């Protein structure tokens, strides 16, 4: 039986001009595995930059957070980056992982729990673009929220502010460590978001496979190609699937048509300079405690409320 929310969201996006698909639906199990491979690609600079920056600043963050903390990660994926914090924080008590892909979340947490038997592990399958209520009470230590990668860039400025406000409600009095990319080099962005050895294209075409499989559509995947576009009216990279020729398919009792060259947007990555991000955070009720920015333009922002 198909998910009515998934179907409604897809049909709503395809009914608009220009067409788009909600990026959150990239993250089924297959999409999560593909993105994990992308993060391991030497071409994908955000992961390389963030891991190096996180390792450098984690001791200072650990000293500020103190012992017996609870770490809450939004969009935990393979739960790899969290290891840097778990290895550095002072006797952390609990790790709560939030992710939309339930099977992938459970598998990742089982692997993590085997390596950190003294830390309580809690899986929360949820869409963090909506309000999330945590199933456990606060412990005796500080709460540290963690939102790594370039995921904040999936939100336009007003959406990012709304997410940060929801996260503040979820976490309560807490710290929040957020990754953000400030890169403005168009050639670099097109190369990375359009390439990674074909993995980016596979990730975005996978959403069509998911629509076929879960919603009963009859999309021919080879009728579309992937394309990364840099736009400057709010600096961002957009991922598009572009029709190679006129094509039509069926979904939910409707006929969906594309002219040759027409595209649907499948994801967006906004690039937020440090000052702009701090403004978003402050409008959401956070205090920007400190920003760490590397030479390549990747940033980690420590917020507090």
Protein backbone atom coordinates (compact mmCIF):
# COMPACT_ATOMS: atom_id res chain seq x y z
CA UNK A 1 0.00 0.00 0.00
CA UNK A 2 1.48 3.37 -1.02
CA UNK A 3 2.15 6.16 1.46
CA UNK A 4 -0.58 8.81 0.89
CA UNK A 5 1.65 11.61 2.21
CA UNK A 6 4.47 10.64 -0.15
CA UNK A 7 2.03 10.51 -3.07
CA UNK A 8 0.42 13.85 -2.18
CA UNK A 9 3.80 15.56 -1.79
CA UNK A 10 5.08 14.24 -5.13
CA UNK A 11 1.90 15.19 -7.01
CA UNK A 12 1.91 18.66 -5.43
CA UNK A 13 5.51 19.25 -6.48
CA UNK A 14 4.92 18.02 -10.02
CA UNK A 15 1.84 20.24 -10.35
CA UNK A 16 3.87 23.40 -9.81
CA UNK A 17 5.81 25.45 -12.34
CA UNK A 18 8.67 24.76 -12.37
CA UNK A 19 8.28 21.16 -11.25
CA UNK A 20 10.08 19.81 -8.19
CA UNK A 21 10.25 16.76 -5.95
CA UNK A 22 10.67 17.12 -2.16
CA UNK A 23 14.34 16.44 -1.43
CA UNK A 24 13.56 14.57 1.79
CA UNK A 25 12.35 11.63 -0.32
CA UNK A 26 15.88 11.04 -1.58
CA UNK A 27 16.58 9.35 1.74
CA UNK A 28 15.21 5.85 1.53
CA UNK A 29 17.64 3.04 2.35
CA UNK A 30 19.09 2.96 -1.18
CA UNK A 31 19.50 6.74 -1.23
CA UNK A 32 21.20 6.72 2.17
CA UNK A 33 23.66 4.06 1.00
CA UNK A 34 24.43 6.06 -2.15
CA UNK A 35 25.00 9.23 -0.13
CA UNK A 36 27.29 7.36 2.23
CA UNK A 37 29.36 6.40 -0.84
CA UNK A 38 29.33 10.04 -1.99
CA UNK A 39 30.65 11.14 1.40
CA UNK A 40 33.52 8.68 0.97
CA UNK A 41 34.40 10.04 -2.47
CA UNK A 42 37.60 12.12 -2.58
CA UNK A 43 35.72 14.60 -4.81
CA UNK A 44 33.14 15.40 -2.14
CA UNK A 45 34.94 18.17 -0.25
CA UNK A 46 32.27 18.92 2.43
CA UNK A 47 32.90 15.63 4.23
CA UNK A 48 36.69 15.89 4.04
CA UNK A 49 36.65 19.48 5.29
CA UNK A 50 34.15 18.86 8.05
CA UNK A 51 35.87 15.78 9.46
CA UNK A 52 39.18 17.63 9.67
CA UNK A 53 37.58 20.73 11.21
CA UNK A 54 35.53 18.69 13.67
CA UNK A 55 38.60 16.81 14.88
CA UNK A 56 40.37 20.11 15.43
CA UNK A 57 37.64 21.83 17.43
CA UNK A 58 36.11 18.84 19.28
CA UNK A 59 38.38 19.17 22.36
CA UNK A 60 37.31 22.78 22.91
CA UNK A 61 33.65 21.80 22.47
CA UNK A 62 34.08 18.90 24.92
CA UNK A 63 35.46 21.25 27.57
CA UNK A 64 32.50 23.56 27.11
CA UNK A 65 29.87 20.81 27.18
CA UNK A 66 31.27 18.92 30.17
CA UNK A 67 30.56 15.35 31.36
CA UNK A 68 27.53 13.08 30.98
CA UNK A 69 26.05 14.93 28.03
CA UNK A 70 23.22 13.84 25.74
CA UNK A 71 23.98 14.22 22.04
CA UNK A 72 21.07 14.54 19.60
CA UNK A 73 21.95 14.23 15.91
CA UNK A 74 19.53 15.42 13.23
CA UNK A 75 19.87 13.35 10.03
CA UNK A 76 22.31 10.84 11.50
CA UNK A 77 22.73 8.71 8.35
CA UNK A 78 25.64 6.31 8.81
CA UNK A 79 26.50 7.91 12.19
CA UNK A 80 30.15 8.32 11.21
CA UNK A 81 30.83 11.94 12.10
CA UNK A 82 29.34 11.48 15.55
CA UNK A 83 32.24 9.18 16.40
CA UNK A 84 34.57 12.17 16.55
CA UNK A 85 32.38 13.71 19.25
CA UNK A 86 31.78 10.45 21.11
CA UNK A 87 35.53 9.86 21.22
CA UNK A 88 36.26 13.37 22.50
CA UNK A 89 33.39 14.37 24.80
CA UNK A 90 33.84 13.70 28.51
CA UNK A 91 31.97 10.49 29.41
CA UNK A 92 28.88 11.11 27.25
CA UNK A 93 25.76 9.44 28.61
CA UNK A 94 23.40 9.15 25.66
CA UNK A 95 23.26 9.44 21.87
CA UNK A 96 19.90 10.06 20.18
CA UNK A 97 19.92 9.61 16.40
CA UNK A 98 17.12 11.13 14.30
CA UNK A 99 16.73 10.04 10.69
CA UNK A 100 13.93 9.60 8.16
CA UNK A 101 15.29 6.26 6.85
CA UNK A 102 14.29 3.78 9.54
CA UNK A 103 16.04 0.61 8.38
CA UNK A 104 19.29 2.43 7.69
CA UNK A 105 19.05 4.19 11.05
CA UNK A 106 18.61 0.95 12.98
CA UNK A 107 21.52 -0.75 11.19
CA UNK A 108 23.84 2.22 11.77
CA UNK A 109 22.93 2.41 15.44
CA UNK A 110 23.57 -1.31 15.98
CA UNK A 111 27.08 -0.88 14.60
CA UNK A 112 27.68 2.20 16.74
CA UNK A 113 26.35 0.57 19.91
CA UNK A 114 28.80 -2.31 19.55
CA UNK A 115 31.69 0.15 19.57
CA UNK A 116 30.35 2.34 22.41
CA UNK A 117 28.70 -0.08 24.87
CA UNK A 118 28.71 2.44 27.74
CA UNK A 119 26.67 5.04 25.86
CA UNK A 120 22.89 4.62 25.69
CA UNK A 121 21.70 4.61 22.07
CA UNK A 122 18.23 5.79 21.05
CA UNK A 123 16.86 5.66 17.48
CA UNK A 124 14.15 8.14 16.46
CA UNK A 125 12.66 7.63 13.01
CA UNK A 126 11.31 11.05 12.10
CA UNK A 127 11.26 13.78 9.48
CA UNK A 128 13.29 16.53 11.10
CA UNK A 129 11.80 19.11 8.72
CA UNK A 130 8.82 18.84 11.08
CA UNK A 131 8.61 19.04 14.87
CA UNK A 132 10.33 16.13 16.63
CA UNK A 133 9.55 15.16 20.23
CA UNK A 134 12.32 13.18 21.89
CA UNK A 135 11.23 9.93 23.61
CA UNK A 136 13.60 10.35 26.59
CA UNK A 137 14.07 12.93 29.34
CA UNK A 138 17.10 15.14 29.68
CA UNK A 139 20.00 13.60 31.60
CA UNK A 140 22.09 15.28 34.25
CA UNK A 141 24.56 16.79 31.77
CA UNK A 142 24.23 19.31 28.95
CA UNK A 143 22.37 18.55 25.73
CA UNK A 144 24.38 18.96 22.51
CA UNK A 145 22.45 19.01 19.25
CA UNK A 146 24.44 18.07 16.15
CA UNK A 147 23.48 18.87 12.55
CA UNK A 148 26.53 18.13 10.40
CA UNK A 149 27.30 18.27 6.70
CA UNK A 150 25.63 20.76 4.42
CA UNK A 151 22.11 19.75 5.46
CA UNK A 152 21.17 23.21 6.75
CA UNK A 153 21.69 24.28 3.12
CA UNK A 154 18.71 22.18 2.06
CA UNK A 155 16.59 24.92 3.60
CA UNK A 156 16.04 28.35 2.06
CA UNK A 157 16.76 31.17 4.56
CA UNK A 158 13.24 31.42 5.98
CA UNK A 159 13.00 27.61 6.14
CA UNK A 160 16.39 27.41 7.86
CA UNK A 161 15.21 29.84 10.53
CA UNK A 162 12.05 27.77 11.03
CA UNK A 163 14.10 24.55 11.31
CA UNK A 164 16.45 26.11 13.86
CA UNK A 165 13.44 27.28 15.90
CA UNK A 166 11.93 23.77 15.82
CA UNK A 167 15.28 22.28 16.83
CA UNK A 168 15.38 24.67 19.80
CA UNK A 169 11.94 23.38 20.86
CA UNK A 170 13.12 19.77 20.44
CA UNK A 171 16.37 20.21 22.37
CA UNK A 172 15.31 22.64 25.08
CA UNK A 173 18.13 24.49 26.90
CA UNK A 174 21.14 23.20 24.99
CA UNK A 175 24.09 23.71 22.73
CA UNK A 176 23.74 23.09 18.98
CA UNK A 177 26.67 22.38 16.63
CA UNK A 178 25.70 23.03 13.01
CA UNK A 179 27.76 22.53 9.85
CA UNK A 180 27.40 24.99 6.97
CA UNK A 181 29.20 25.44 3.66
CA UNK A 182 30.21 28.95 2.57
CA UNK A 183 31.83 27.96 -0.77
CA UNK A 184 31.08 30.35 -3.66
CA UNK A 185 33.34 28.78 -6.33
CA UNK A 186 30.87 27.92 -9.12
CA UNK A 187 33.17 25.60 -11.06
CA UNK A 188 33.98 23.62 -7.95
CA UNK A 189 30.35 23.34 -6.95
CA UNK A 190 29.18 22.14 -10.38
CA UNK A 191 32.01 19.61 -10.49
CA UNK A 192 31.20 18.18 -7.05
CA UNK A 193 27.40 18.29 -7.11
CA UNK A 194 27.23 17.10 -10.69
CA UNK A 195 29.82 14.35 -10.44
CA UNK A 196 31.43 12.16 -7.77
CA UNK A 197 31.95 9.37 -10.30
CA UNK A 198 28.30 9.21 -11.32
CA UNK A 199 27.11 8.74 -7.73
CA UNK A 200 25.27 12.07 -7.66
CA UNK A 201 23.27 11.12 -10.73
CA UNK A 202 22.49 7.70 -9.21
CA UNK A 203 21.30 9.35 -6.00
CA UNK A 204 18.89 11.67 -7.77
CA UNK A 205 17.60 9.09 -10.23
CA UNK A 206 16.93 6.83 -7.24
CA UNK A 207 14.03 9.06 -6.22
CA UNK A 208 12.33 8.10 -9.50
CA UNK A 209 12.97 4.42 -8.77
CA UNK A 210 11.37 4.94 -5.38
CA UNK A 211 8.31 6.61 -6.94
CA UNK A 212 7.95 3.67 -9.33
CA UNK A 213 8.38 1.09 -6.59
CA UNK A 214 6.35 2.65 -3.79
CA UNK A 215 3.74 4.67 -5.68
CA UNK A 216 3.20 2.51 -8.76
CA UNK A 217 4.41 5.01 -11.37
CA UNK A 218 5.77 3.95 -14.78
CA UNK A 219 8.71 6.35 -15.16
CA UNK A 220 11.49 5.44 -17.60
CA UNK A 221 14.62 6.47 -15.73
CA UNK A 222 16.71 6.61 -18.90
CA UNK A 223 14.51 9.48 -20.13
CA UNK A 224 16.18 11.81 -17.61
CA UNK A 225 19.69 13.07 -16.92
CA UNK A 226 21.06 14.74 -13.80
CA UNK A 227 22.32 18.33 -13.81
CA UNK A 228 23.75 20.64 -11.12
CA UNK A 229 23.00 24.36 -11.43
CA UNK A 230 24.44 27.28 -9.46
CA UNK A 231 22.08 30.20 -8.82
CA UNK A 232 22.89 33.50 -7.13
CA UNK A 233 19.55 35.00 -6.09
CA UNK A 234 20.22 33.41 -2.69
CA UNK A 235 23.44 31.57 -3.51
CA UNK A 236 22.70 27.88 -3.90
CA UNK A 237 23.25 24.72 -5.92
CA UNK A 238 20.17 23.02 -7.32
CA UNK A 239 19.99 19.41 -8.49
CA UNK A 240 17.69 18.83 -11.48
CA UNK A 241 16.53 15.85 -13.46
CA UNK A 242 16.18 17.00 -17.07
CA UNK A 243 14.02 15.26 -19.68
CA UNK A 244 16.16 14.15 -22.63
CA UNK A 245 13.09 14.16 -24.84
CA UNK A 246 9.36 14.70 -24.47
CA UNK A 247 8.08 12.04 -22.11
CA UNK A 248 4.98 11.14 -20.15
CA UNK A 249 4.16 8.80 -17.29
CA UNK A 250 1.36 8.01 -14.89
CA UNK A 251 1.08 8.46 -11.15
CA UNK A 252 -1.92 8.38 -8.83
CA UNK A 253 -4.38 8.33 -11.72
CA UNK A 254 -2.77 11.37 -13.38
CA UNK A 255 -0.67 11.76 -16.50
CA UNK A 256 2.61 13.62 -15.90
CA UNK A 257 4.17 15.21 -19.00
CA UNK A 258 7.59 16.72 -19.64
CA UNK A 259 8.70 18.65 -22.70
CA UNK A 260 12.20 17.95 -24.02
CA UNK A 261 14.64 19.87 -21.83
CA UNK A 262 12.10 20.44 -19.04
CA UNK A 263 13.40 19.65 -15.57
CA UNK A 264 12.26 18.91 -12.04
CA UNK A 265 14.31 20.08 -9.07
CA UNK A 266 15.20 17.27 -6.68
CA UNK A 267 17.36 19.05 -4.09
CA UNK A 268 18.84 22.41 -3.10
CA UNK A 269 22.01 23.29 -1.21
CA UNK A 270 22.22 26.90 -0.02
CA UNK A 271 25.68 28.24 0.82
CA UNK A 272 25.55 30.41 3.91
CA UNK A 273 28.42 32.80 4.78
CA UNK A 274 29.18 32.74 8.51
CA UNK A 275 27.61 36.13 9.24
CA UNK A 276 24.43 35.23 7.34
CA UNK A 277 24.09 31.93 9.20
CA UNK A 278 24.52 33.60 12.58
CA UNK A 279 21.71 35.97 11.64
CA UNK A 280 19.41 33.03 10.86
CA UNK A 281 20.28 31.38 14.17
CA UNK A 282 19.66 34.52 16.20
CA UNK A 283 16.27 35.06 14.55
CA UNK A 284 15.40 31.50 15.63
CA UNK A 285 16.20 32.27 19.27
CA UNK A 286 19.77 30.94 19.47
CA UNK A 287 22.86 32.76 20.66
CA UNK A 288 25.82 32.28 18.31
CA UNK A 289 28.62 31.32 20.71
CA UNK A 290 31.43 30.65 18.25
CA UNK A 291 32.07 29.94 14.55
CA UNK A 292 34.94 27.79 13.31
CA UNK A 293 35.73 28.25 9.60
CA UNK A 294 38.47 26.39 7.67
CA UNK A 295 40.54 27.67 4.75
CA UNK A 296 38.22 25.99 2.22
CA UNK A 297 35.17 27.82 3.55
CA UNK A 298 33.50 25.06 5.56
CA UNK A 299 32.11 26.18 8.92
CA UNK A 300 30.96 24.70 12.21
CA UNK A 301 28.77 26.99 14.30
CA UNK A 302 28.26 26.44 18.02
CA UNK A 303 24.92 27.86 19.17
CA UNK A 304 23.34 28.01 22.61
CA UNK A 305 19.90 28.64 24.07
